[in-house]
Amino acid sequence: MPKVKMHPMFIEIQGKLYGMVVKLSPQGELIIAKRPDMSKVKWSKAQKAHRKRFKLATAYAKEALAVPKIRRTYERRAKKLDKTPWGLAVSDYFKGENLLAKG
């Protein structure tokens, strides 16, 4: 894989650019990849169901992290586990753990 060193003028770059996707990995490395063409994909029932569950999980994460007390809880756990608060919140939704209901 080629390595690219960007000019210090570019503090951050991400998004779509001419059929390419530019983003940072969790380790902070720049990733440039061809944008996938999903126009002809036929999703199975299981895939559609999972996409729906994932949409609910991200909605839970957004709502949970908006509550300062719950956000601090996720930030402490994330630091211990070397993960992100967002990832833990999404994971908790799939495990059936709802801190909003407990709060």
PDB file of N, CA and C in Angstrom:
ATOM      1  N   MET A   1       0.846  -1.167   0.000  1.00  0.00           N
ATOM      2  CA  MET A   1       0.000   0.000   0.000  1.00  0.00           C
ATOM      3  C   MET A   1       0.899   1.240   0.000  1.00  0.00           C
ATOM      4  N   PRO A   2       0.635   2.168  -0.905  1.00  0.00           N
ATOM      5  CA  PRO A   2       1.468   3.378  -0.924  1.00  0.00           C
ATOM      6  C   PRO A   2       1.203   4.247   0.301  1.00  0.00           C
ATOM      7  N   LYS A   3       2.230   4.920   0.728  1.00  0.00           N
ATOM      8  CA  LYS A   3       2.120   5.859   1.853  1.00  0.00           C
ATOM      9  C   LYS A   3       2.238   7.271   1.296  1.00  0.00           C
ATOM     10  N   VAL A   4       1.419   8.182   1.795  1.00  0.00           N
ATOM     11  CA  VAL A   4       1.420   9.565   1.337  1.00  0.00           C
ATOM     12  C   VAL A   4       1.624  10.467   2.541  1.00  0.00           C
ATOM     13  N   LYS A   5       2.539  11.385   2.437  1.00  0.00           N
ATOM     14  CA  LYS A   5       2.721  12.393   3.483  1.00  0.00           C
ATOM     15  C   LYS A   5       2.115  13.681   2.966  1.00  0.00           C
ATOM     16  N   MET A   6       1.148  14.199   3.700  1.00  0.00           N
ATOM     17  CA  MET A   6       0.453  15.412   3.287  1.00  0.00           C
ATOM     18  C   MET A   6       1.203  16.636   3.798  1.00  0.00           C
ATOM     19  N   HIS A   7       1.075  17.712   3.081  1.00  0.00           N
ATOM     20  CA  HIS A   7       1.644  18.988   3.480  1.00  0.00           C
ATOM     21  C   HIS A   7       0.988  19.415   4.796  1.00  0.00           C
ATOM     22  N   PRO A   8       1.728  20.007   5.732  1.00  0.00           N
ATOM     23  CA  PRO A   8       1.143  20.416   7.010  1.00  0.00           C
ATOM     24  C   PRO A   8      -0.045  21.364   6.876  1.00  0.00           C
ATOM     25  N   MET A   9      -0.220  21.947   5.698  1.00  0.00           N
ATOM     26  CA  MET A   9      -1.351  22.833   5.473  1.00  0.00           C
ATOM     27  C   MET A   9      -2.675  22.079   5.649  1.00  0.00           C
ATOM     28  N   PHE A  10      -2.680  20.775   5.349  1.00  0.00           N
ATOM     29  CA  PHE A  10      -3.886  19.966   5.472  1.00  0.00           C
ATOM     30  C   PHE A  10      -3.940  19.373   6.870  1.00  0.00           C
ATOM     31  N   ILE A  11      -4.771  19.938   7.711  1.00  0.00           N
ATOM     32  CA  ILE A  11      -4.914  19.419   9.064  1.00  0.00           C
ATOM     33  C   ILE A  11      -5.776  18.162   9.037  1.00  0.00           C
ATOM     34  N   GLU A  12      -6.819  18.189   8.226  1.00  0.00           N
ATOM     35  CA  GLU A  12      -7.714  17.039   8.144  1.00  0.00           C
ATOM     36  C   GLU A  12      -8.324  16.998   6.762  1.00  0.00           C
ATOM     37  N   ILE A  13      -8.514  15.795   6.246  1.00  0.00           N
ATOM     38  CA  ILE A  13      -9.187  15.631   4.968  1.00  0.00           C
ATOM     39  C   ILE A  13     -10.025  14.367   5.064  1.00  0.00           C
ATOM     40  N   GLN A  14     -11.299  14.476   4.720  1.00  0.00           N
ATOM     41  CA  GLN A  14     -12.181  13.314   4.702  1.00  0.00           C
ATOM     42  C   GLN A  14     -13.371  13.621   3.819  1.00  0.00           C
ATOM     43  N   GLY A  15     -14.009  12.574   3.305  1.00  0.00           N
ATOM     44  CA  GLY A  15     -15.183  12.747   2.458  1.00  0.00           C
ATOM     45  C   GLY A  15     -15.008  12.100   1.107  1.00  0.00           C
ATOM     46  N   LYS A  16     -15.866  12.483   0.148  1.00  0.00           N
ATOM     47  CA  LYS A  16     -15.855  11.922  -1.200  1.00  0.00           C
ATOM     48  C   LYS A  16     -15.134  12.884  -2.137  1.00  0.00           C
ATOM     49  N   LEU A  17     -14.374  12.312  -3.048  1.00  0.00           N
ATOM     50  CA  LEU A  17     -13.619  13.131  -3.985  1.00  0.00           C
ATOM     51  C   LEU A  17     -13.445  12.343  -5.276  1.00  0.00           C
ATOM     52  N   TYR A  18     -14.147  12.738  -6.339  1.00  0.00           N
ATOM     53  CA  TYR A  18     -13.999  12.094  -7.663  1.00  0.00           C
ATOM     54  C   TYR A  18     -14.078  10.569  -7.612  1.00  0.00           C
ATOM     55  N   GLY A  19     -15.121  10.030  -7.037  1.00  0.00           N
ATOM     56  CA  GLY A  19     -15.290   8.588  -7.000  1.00  0.00           C
ATOM     57  C   GLY A  19     -14.375   7.884  -6.008  1.00  0.00           C
ATOM     58  N   MET A  20     -13.723   8.661  -5.157  1.00  0.00           N
ATOM     59  CA  MET A  20     -12.848   8.097  -4.130  1.00  0.00           C
ATOM     60  C   MET A  20     -13.391   8.506  -2.758  1.00  0.00           C
ATOM     61  N   VAL A  21     -13.085   7.701  -1.751  1.00  0.00           N
ATOM     62  CA  VAL A  21     -13.452   8.003  -0.374  1.00  0.00           C
ATOM     63  C   VAL A  21     -12.166   8.253   0.382  1.00  0.00           C
ATOM     64  N   VAL A  22     -12.109   9.357   1.113  1.00  0.00           N
ATOM     65  CA  VAL A  22     -10.927   9.717   1.888  1.00  0.00           C
ATOM     66  C   VAL A  22     -11.343   9.790   3.351  1.00  0.00           C
ATOM     67  N   LYS A  23     -10.656   9.024   4.222  1.00  0.00           N
ATOM     68  CA  LYS A  23     -10.992   9.046   5.651  1.00  0.00           C
ATOM     69  C   LYS A  23      -9.778   8.678   6.482  1.00  0.00           C
ATOM     70  N   LEU A  24      -9.908   8.868   7.775  1.00  0.00           N
ATOM     71  CA  LEU A  24      -8.848   8.490   8.702  1.00  0.00           C
ATOM     72  C   LEU A  24      -9.236   7.194   9.387  1.00  0.00           C
ATOM     73  N   SER A  25      -8.267   6.299   9.551  1.00  0.00           N
ATOM     74  CA  SER A  25      -8.501   5.066  10.293  1.00  0.00           C
ATOM     75  C   SER A  25      -8.516   5.404  11.780  1.00  0.00           C
ATOM     76  N   PRO A  26      -9.022   4.501  12.630  1.00  0.00           N
ATOM     77  CA  PRO A  26      -8.980   4.753  14.074  1.00  0.00           C
ATOM     78  C   PRO A  26      -7.556   4.972  14.598  1.00  0.00           C
ATOM     79  N   GLN A  27      -6.557   4.464  13.879  1.00  0.00           N
ATOM     80  CA  GLN A  27      -5.166   4.646  14.273  1.00  0.00           C
ATOM     81  C   GLN A  27      -4.601   5.961  13.752  1.00  0.00           C
ATOM     82  N   GLY A  28      -5.403   6.720  13.008  1.00  0.00           N
ATOM     83  CA  GLY A  28      -4.974   8.020  12.516  1.00  0.00           C
ATOM     84  C   GLY A  28      -4.309   7.994  11.154  1.00  0.00           C
ATOM     85  N   GLU A  29      -4.345   6.861  10.462  1.00  0.00           N
ATOM     86  CA  GLU A  29      -3.745   6.765   9.134  1.00  0.00           C
ATOM     87  C   GLU A  29      -4.760   7.195   8.076  1.00  0.00           C
ATOM     88  N   LEU A  30      -4.286   7.843   7.032  1.00  0.00           N
ATOM     89  CA  LEU A  30      -5.130   8.293   5.940  1.00  0.00           C
ATOM     90  C   LEU A  30      -5.460   7.121   5.026  1.00  0.00           C
ATOM     91  N   ILE A  31      -6.746   6.935   4.713  1.00  0.00           N
ATOM     92  CA  ILE A  31      -7.198   5.863   3.831  1.00  0.00           C
ATOM     93  C   ILE A  31      -7.880   6.501   2.630  1.00  0.00           C
ATOM     94  N   ILE A  32      -7.437   6.124   1.434  1.00  0.00           N
ATOM     95  CA  ILE A  32      -8.066   6.574   0.199  1.00  0.00           C
ATOM     96  C   ILE A  32      -8.460   5.312  -0.561  1.00  0.00           C
ATOM     97  N   ALA A  33      -9.755   5.172  -0.847  1.00  0.00           N
ATOM     98  CA  ALA A  33     -10.234   3.965  -1.511  1.00  0.00           C
ATOM     99  C   ALA A  33     -11.264   4.327  -2.572  1.00  0.00           C
ATOM    100  N   LYS A  34     -11.435   3.432  -3.539  1.00  0.00           N
ATOM    101  CA  LYS A  34     -12.446   3.626  -4.564  1.00  0.00           C
ATOM    102  C   LYS A  34     -13.821   3.557  -3.907  1.00  0.00           C
ATOM    103  N   ARG A  35     -14.683   4.486  -4.263  1.00  0.00           N
ATOM    104  CA  ARG A  35     -16.026   4.512  -3.712  1.00  0.00           C
ATOM    105  C   ARG A  35     -16.813   3.324  -4.261  1.00  0.00           C
ATOM    106  N   PRO A  36     -17.413   2.515  -3.388  1.00  0.00           N
ATOM    107  CA  PRO A  36     -18.124   1.327  -3.875  1.00  0.00           C
ATOM    108  C   PRO A  36     -19.414   1.699  -4.605  1.00  0.00           C
ATOM    109  N   ASP A  37     -19.727   0.936  -5.646  1.00  0.00           N
ATOM    110  CA  ASP A  37     -20.977   1.127  -6.389  1.00  0.00           C
ATOM    111  C   ASP A  37     -21.998   0.147  -5.834  1.00  0.00           C
ATOM    112  N   MET A  38     -22.918   0.638  -5.029  1.00  0.00           N
ATOM    113  CA  MET A  38     -23.907  -0.219  -4.385  1.00  0.00           C
ATOM    114  C   MET A  38     -25.267  -0.154  -5.091  1.00  0.00           C
ATOM    115  N   SER A  39     -25.312   0.446  -6.283  1.00  0.00           N
ATOM    116  CA  SER A  39     -26.581   0.682  -6.961  1.00  0.00           C
ATOM    117  C   SER A  39     -27.294  -0.604  -7.392  1.00  0.00           C
ATOM    118  N   LYS A  40     -26.553  -1.658  -7.656  1.00  0.00           N
ATOM    119  CA  LYS A  40     -27.179  -2.896  -8.135  1.00  0.00           C
ATOM    120  C   LYS A  40     -27.270  -3.977  -7.061  1.00  0.00           C
ATOM    121  N   VAL A  41     -26.958  -3.639  -5.821  1.00  0.00           N
ATOM    122  CA  VAL A  41     -26.992  -4.615  -4.732  1.00  0.00           C
ATOM    123  C   VAL A  41     -28.432  -4.859  -4.309  1.00  0.00           C
ATOM    124  N   LYS A  42     -28.796  -6.112  -4.183  1.00  0.00           N
ATOM    125  CA  LYS A  42     -30.113  -6.500  -3.681  1.00  0.00           C
ATOM    126  C   LYS A  42     -29.909  -7.016  -2.255  1.00  0.00           C
ATOM    127  N   TRP A  43     -30.412  -6.255  -1.275  1.00  0.00           N
ATOM    128  CA  TRP A  43     -30.228  -6.634   0.121  1.00  0.00           C
ATOM    129  C   TRP A  43     -31.166  -7.776   0.488  1.00  0.00           C
ATOM    130  N   SER A  44     -30.647  -8.742   1.242  1.00  0.00           N
ATOM    131  CA  SER A  44     -31.485  -9.843   1.724  1.00  0.00           C
ATOM    132  C   SER A  44     -32.342  -9.343   2.886  1.00  0.00           C
ATOM    133  N   LYS A  45     -33.329 -10.147   3.298  1.00  0.00           N
ATOM    134  CA  LYS A  45     -34.177  -9.764   4.429  1.00  0.00           C
ATOM    135  C   LYS A  45     -33.341  -9.612   5.693  1.00  0.00           C
ATOM    136  N   ALA A  46     -32.390 -10.506   5.893  1.00  0.00           N
ATOM    137  CA  ALA A  46     -31.531 -10.432   7.080  1.00  0.00           C
ATOM    138  C   ALA A  46     -30.684  -9.158   7.062  1.00  0.00           C
ATOM    139  N   GLN A  47     -30.169  -8.792   5.892  1.00  0.00           N
ATOM    140  CA  GLN A  47     -29.372  -7.575   5.786  1.00  0.00           C
ATOM    141  C   GLN A  47     -30.230  -6.337   6.054  1.00  0.00           C
ATOM    142  N   LYS A  48     -31.453  -6.342   5.517  1.00  0.00           N
ATOM    143  CA  LYS A  48     -32.350  -5.217   5.756  1.00  0.00           C
ATOM    144  C   LYS A  48     -32.678  -5.102   7.238  1.00  0.00           C
ATOM    145  N   ALA A  49     -32.915  -6.234   7.891  1.00  0.00           N
ATOM    146  CA  ALA A  49     -33.225  -6.232   9.325  1.00  0.00           C
ATOM    147  C   ALA A  49     -32.031  -5.716  10.129  1.00  0.00           C
ATOM    148  N   HIS A  50     -30.822  -6.149   9.760  1.00  0.00           N
ATOM    149  CA  HIS A  50     -29.637  -5.696  10.481  1.00  0.00           C
ATOM    150  C   HIS A  50     -29.410  -4.205  10.278  1.00  0.00           C
ATOM    151  N   ARG A  51     -29.620  -3.731   9.072  1.00  0.00           N
ATOM    152  CA  ARG A  51     -29.455  -2.302   8.798  1.00  0.00           C
ATOM    153  C   ARG A  51     -30.449  -1.489   9.638  1.00  0.00           C
ATOM    154  N   LYS A  52     -31.660  -2.009   9.795  1.00  0.00           N
ATOM    155  CA  LYS A  52     -32.662  -1.330  10.612  1.00  0.00           C
ATOM    156  C   LYS A  52     -32.220  -1.311  12.083  1.00  0.00           C
ATOM    157  N   ARG A  53     -31.711  -2.459  12.588  1.00  0.00           N
ATOM    158  CA  ARG A  53     -31.220  -2.518  13.972  1.00  0.00           C
ATOM    159  C   ARG A  53     -30.035  -1.577  14.169  1.00  0.00           C
ATOM    160  N   PHE A  54     -29.153  -1.511  13.170  1.00  0.00           N
ATOM    161  CA  PHE A  54     -27.988  -0.631  13.284  1.00  0.00           C
ATOM    162  C   PHE A  54     -28.423   0.834  13.306  1.00  0.00           C
ATOM    163  N   LYS A  55     -29.450   1.163  12.541  1.00  0.00           N
ATOM    164  CA  LYS A  55     -29.976   2.531  12.551  1.00  0.00           C
ATOM    165  C   LYS A  55     -30.508   2.876  13.941  1.00  0.00           C
ATOM    166  N   LEU A  56     -31.198   1.935  14.575  1.00  0.00           N
ATOM    167  CA  LEU A  56     -31.693   2.149  15.936  1.00  0.00           C
ATOM    168  C   LEU A  56     -30.531   2.263  16.925  1.00  0.00           C
ATOM    169  N   ALA A  57     -29.473   1.466  16.714  1.00  0.00           N
ATOM    170  CA  ALA A  57     -28.309   1.506  17.598  1.00  0.00           C
ATOM    171  C   ALA A  57     -27.609   2.861  17.517  1.00  0.00           C
ATOM    172  N   THR A  58     -27.482   3.405  16.314  1.00  0.00           N
ATOM    173  CA  THR A  58     -26.830   4.708  16.189  1.00  0.00           C
ATOM    174  C   THR A  58     -27.710   5.823  16.765  1.00  0.00           C
ATOM    175  N   ALA A  59     -29.021   5.667  16.653  1.00  0.00           N
ATOM    176  CA  ALA A  59     -29.931   6.654  17.259  1.00  0.00           C
ATOM    177  C   ALA A  59     -29.788   6.616  18.783  1.00  0.00           C
ATOM    178  N   TYR A  60     -29.676   5.403  19.352  1.00  0.00           N
ATOM    179  CA  TYR A  60     -29.470   5.267  20.793  1.00  0.00           C
ATOM    180  C   TYR A  60     -28.153   5.923  21.200  1.00  0.00           C
ATOM    181  N   ALA A  61     -27.084   5.648  20.457  1.00  0.00           N
ATOM    182  CA  ALA A  61     -25.768   6.205  20.791  1.00  0.00           C
ATOM    183  C   ALA A  61     -25.818   7.730  20.768  1.00  0.00           C
ATOM    184  N   LYS A  62     -26.460   8.297  19.764  1.00  0.00           N
ATOM    185  CA  LYS A  62     -26.553   9.759  19.658  1.00  0.00           C
ATOM    186  C   LYS A  62     -27.312  10.335  20.851  1.00  0.00           C
ATOM    187  N   GLU A  63     -28.416   9.699  21.207  1.00  0.00           N
ATOM    188  CA  GLU A  63     -29.223  10.177  22.324  1.00  0.00           C
ATOM    189  C   GLU A  63     -28.500   9.990  23.660  1.00  0.00           C
ATOM    190  N   ALA A  64     -27.863   8.834  23.843  1.00  0.00           N
ATOM    191  CA  ALA A  64     -27.171   8.549  25.101  1.00  0.00           C
ATOM    192  C   ALA A  64     -25.988   9.489  25.313  1.00  0.00           C
ATOM    193  N   LEU A  65     -25.220   9.753  24.255  1.00  0.00           N
ATOM    194  CA  LEU A  65     -24.043  10.609  24.394  1.00  0.00           C
ATOM    195  C   LEU A  65     -24.410  12.085  24.527  1.00  0.00           C
ATOM    196  N   ALA A  66     -25.674  12.421  24.297  1.00  0.00           N
ATOM    197  CA  ALA A  66     -26.131  13.796  24.484  1.00  0.00           C
ATOM    198  C   ALA A  66     -26.419  14.099  25.955  1.00  0.00           C
ATOM    199  N   VAL A  67     -26.524  13.041  26.779  1.00  0.00           N
ATOM    200  CA  VAL A  67     -26.767  13.200  28.211  1.00  0.00           C
ATOM    201  C   VAL A  67     -25.404  13.228  28.911  1.00  0.00           C
ATOM    202  N   PRO A  68     -25.040  14.350  29.536  1.00  0.00           N
ATOM    203  CA  PRO A  68     -23.686  14.489  30.101  1.00  0.00           C
ATOM    204  C   PRO A  68     -23.273  13.373  31.068  1.00  0.00           C
ATOM    205  N   LYS A  69     -24.166  12.955  31.942  1.00  0.00           N
ATOM    206  CA  LYS A  69     -23.829  11.902  32.921  1.00  0.00           C
ATOM    207  C   LYS A  69     -23.511  10.577  32.208  1.00  0.00           C
ATOM    208  N   ILE A  70     -24.331  10.224  31.235  1.00  0.00           N
ATOM    209  CA  ILE A  70     -24.125   8.971  30.493  1.00  0.00           C
ATOM    210  C   ILE A  70     -22.874   9.088  29.626  1.00  0.00           C
ATOM    211  N   ARG A  71     -22.652  10.247  29.028  1.00  0.00           N
ATOM    212  CA  ARG A  71     -21.457  10.459  28.210  1.00  0.00           C
ATOM    213  C   ARG A  71     -20.189  10.240  29.033  1.00  0.00           C
ATOM    214  N   ARG A  72     -20.161  10.791  30.269  1.00  0.00           N
ATOM    215  CA  ARG A  72     -18.988  10.596  31.137  1.00  0.00           C
ATOM    216  C   ARG A  72     -18.770   9.121  31.432  1.00  0.00           C
ATOM    217  N   THR A  73     -19.861   8.375  31.660  1.00  0.00           N
ATOM    218  CA  THR A  73     -19.761   6.936  31.908  1.00  0.00           C
ATOM    219  C   THR A  73     -19.125   6.234  30.714  1.00  0.00           C
ATOM    220  N   TYR A  74     -19.610   6.548  29.525  1.00  0.00           N
ATOM    221  CA  TYR A  74     -19.051   5.934  28.313  1.00  0.00           C
ATOM    222  C   TYR A  74     -17.602   6.360  28.082  1.00  0.00           C
ATOM    223  N   GLU A  75     -17.275   7.608  28.365  1.00  0.00           N
ATOM    224  CA  GLU A  75     -15.895   8.068  28.177  1.00  0.00           C
ATOM    225  C   GLU A  75     -14.937   7.342  29.116  1.00  0.00           C
ATOM    226  N   ARG A  76     -15.336   7.139  30.365  1.00  0.00           N
ATOM    227  CA  ARG A  76     -14.477   6.398  31.314  1.00  0.00           C
ATOM    228  C   ARG A  76     -14.283   4.954  30.866  1.00  0.00           C
ATOM    229  N   ARG A  77     -15.396   4.294  30.489  1.00  0.00           N
ATOM    230  CA  ARG A  77     -15.303   2.898  30.027  1.00  0.00           C
ATOM    231  C   ARG A  77     -14.460   2.800  28.764  1.00  0.00           C
ATOM    232  N   ALA A  78     -14.656   3.736  27.854  1.00  0.00           N
ATOM    233  CA  ALA A  78     -13.934   3.710  26.574  1.00  0.00           C
ATOM    234  C   ALA A  78     -12.435   3.852  26.798  1.00  0.00           C
ATOM    235  N   LYS A  79     -12.051   4.719  27.725  1.00  0.00           N
ATOM    236  CA  LYS A  79     -10.633   4.929  27.995  1.00  0.00           C
ATOM    237  C   LYS A  79      -9.992   3.646  28.539  1.00  0.00           C
ATOM    238  N   LYS A  80     -10.698   2.966  29.443  1.00  0.00           N
ATOM    239  CA  LYS A  80     -10.187   1.712  30.022  1.00  0.00           C
ATOM    240  C   LYS A  80     -10.035   0.628  28.960  1.00  0.00           C
ATOM    241  N   LEU A  81     -10.989   0.576  28.019  1.00  0.00           N
ATOM    242  CA  LEU A  81     -11.014  -0.488  27.014  1.00  0.00           C
ATOM    243  C   LEU A  81     -10.327  -0.100  25.709  1.00  0.00           C
ATOM    244  N   ASP A  82      -9.780   1.115  25.642  1.00  0.00           N
ATOM    245  CA  ASP A  82      -9.137   1.629  24.434  1.00  0.00           C
ATOM    246  C   ASP A  82     -10.095   1.574  23.239  1.00  0.00           C
ATOM    247  N   LYS A  83     -11.302   2.071  23.472  1.00  0.00           N
ATOM    248  CA  LYS A  83     -12.336   2.136  22.439  1.00  0.00           C
ATOM    249  C   LYS A  83     -12.899   3.543  22.405  1.00  0.00           C
ATOM    250  N   THR A  84     -13.891   3.776  21.556  1.00  0.00           N
ATOM    251  CA  THR A  84     -14.538   5.083  21.510  1.00  0.00           C
ATOM    252  C   THR A  84     -15.861   5.017  22.272  1.00  0.00           C
ATOM    253  N   PRO A  85     -16.292   6.130  22.867  1.00  0.00           N
ATOM    254  CA  PRO A  85     -17.593   6.140  23.537  1.00  0.00           C
ATOM    255  C   PRO A  85     -18.730   5.771  22.573  1.00  0.00           C
ATOM    256  N   TRP A  86     -18.612   6.252  21.333  1.00  0.00           N
ATOM    257  CA  TRP A  86     -19.646   5.952  20.333  1.00  0.00           C
ATOM    258  C   TRP A  86     -19.734   4.443  20.086  1.00  0.00           C
ATOM    259  N   GLY A  87     -18.602   3.803  19.898  1.00  0.00           N
ATOM    260  CA  GLY A  87     -18.582   2.358  19.651  1.00  0.00           C
ATOM    261  C   GLY A  87     -19.159   1.568  20.813  1.00  0.00           C
ATOM    262  N   LEU A  88     -18.851   1.981  22.036  1.00  0.00           N
ATOM    263  CA  LEU A  88     -19.393   1.296  23.210  1.00  0.00           C
ATOM    264  C   LEU A  88     -20.902   1.467  23.298  1.00  0.00           C
ATOM    265  N   ALA A  89     -21.391   2.661  22.992  1.00  0.00           N
ATOM    266  CA  ALA A  89     -22.836   2.904  23.046  1.00  0.00           C
ATOM    267  C   ALA A  89     -23.566   2.053  22.008  1.00  0.00           C
ATOM    268  N   VAL A  90     -23.033   1.971  20.816  1.00  0.00           N
ATOM    269  CA  VAL A  90     -23.645   1.132  19.774  1.00  0.00           C
ATOM    270  C   VAL A  90     -23.611  -0.336  20.212  1.00  0.00           C
ATOM    271  N   SER A  91     -22.487  -0.759  20.752  1.00  0.00           N
ATOM    272  CA  SER A  91     -22.345  -2.132  21.230  1.00  0.00           C
ATOM    273  C   SER A  91     -23.349  -2.438  22.346  1.00  0.00           C
ATOM    274  N   ASP A  92     -23.501  -1.493  23.272  1.00  0.00           N
ATOM    275  CA  ASP A  92     -24.465  -1.684  24.358  1.00  0.00           C
ATOM    276  C   ASP A  92     -25.876  -1.875  23.824  1.00  0.00           C
ATOM    277  N   TYR A  93     -26.234  -1.123  22.795  1.00  0.00           N
ATOM    278  CA  TYR A  93     -27.577  -1.276  22.222  1.00  0.00           C
ATOM    279  C   TYR A  93     -27.785  -2.714  21.734  1.00  0.00           C
ATOM    280  N   PHE A  94     -26.792  -3.253  21.037  1.00  0.00           N
ATOM    281  CA  PHE A  94     -26.921  -4.617  20.511  1.00  0.00           C
ATOM    282  C   PHE A  94     -26.944  -5.653  21.629  1.00  0.00           C
ATOM    283  N   LYS A  95     -26.317  -5.338  22.769  1.00  0.00           N
ATOM    284  CA  LYS A  95     -26.314  -6.257  23.918  1.00  0.00           C
ATOM    285  C   LYS A  95     -27.576  -6.111  24.761  1.00  0.00           C
ATOM    286  N   GLY A  96     -28.392  -5.114  24.447  1.00  0.00           N
ATOM    287  CA  GLY A  96     -29.612  -4.893  25.219  1.00  0.00           C
ATOM    288  C   GLY A  96     -29.392  -4.038  26.461  1.00  0.00           C
ATOM    289  N   GLU A  97     -28.236  -3.404  26.574  1.00  0.00           N
ATOM    290  CA  GLU A  97     -27.949  -2.544  27.725  1.00  0.00           C
ATOM    291  C   GLU A  97     -28.352  -1.108  27.356  1.00  0.00           C
ATOM    292  N   ASN A  98     -29.281  -0.559  28.116  1.00  0.00           N
ATOM    293  CA  ASN A  98     -29.797   0.782  27.818  1.00  0.00           C
ATOM    294  C   ASN A  98     -29.559   1.675  29.032  1.00  0.00           C
ATOM    295  N   LEU A  99     -28.534   2.500  28.986  1.00  0.00           N
ATOM    296  CA  LEU A  99     -28.231   3.398  30.100  1.00  0.00           C
ATOM    297  C   LEU A  99     -29.264   4.525  30.221  1.00  0.00           C
ATOM    298  N   LEU A 100     -29.963   4.820  29.135  1.00  0.00           N
ATOM    299  CA  LEU A 100     -30.994   5.862  29.198  1.00  0.00           C
ATOM    300  C   LEU A 100     -32.145   5.426  30.098  1.00  0.00           C
ATOM    301  N   ALA A 101     -32.496   4.137  30.038  1.00  0.00           N
ATOM    302  CA  ALA A 101     -33.594   3.616  30.860  1.00  0.00           C
ATOM    303  C   ALA A 101     -33.182   3.550  32.337  1.00  0.00           C
ATOM    304  N   LYS A 102     -31.876   3.309  32.575  1.00  0.00           N
ATOM    305  CA  LYS A 102     -31.385   3.213  33.951  1.00  0.00           C
ATOM    306  C   LYS A 102     -31.185   4.574  34.591  1.00  0.00           C
ATOM    307  N   GLY A 103     -30.857   5.591  33.730  1.00  0.00           N
ATOM    308  CA  GLY A 103     -30.503   6.921  34.206  1.00  0.00           C
ATOM    309  C   GLY A 103     -31.614   7.605  34.891  1.00  0.00           C
TER     310      GLY A 103
END
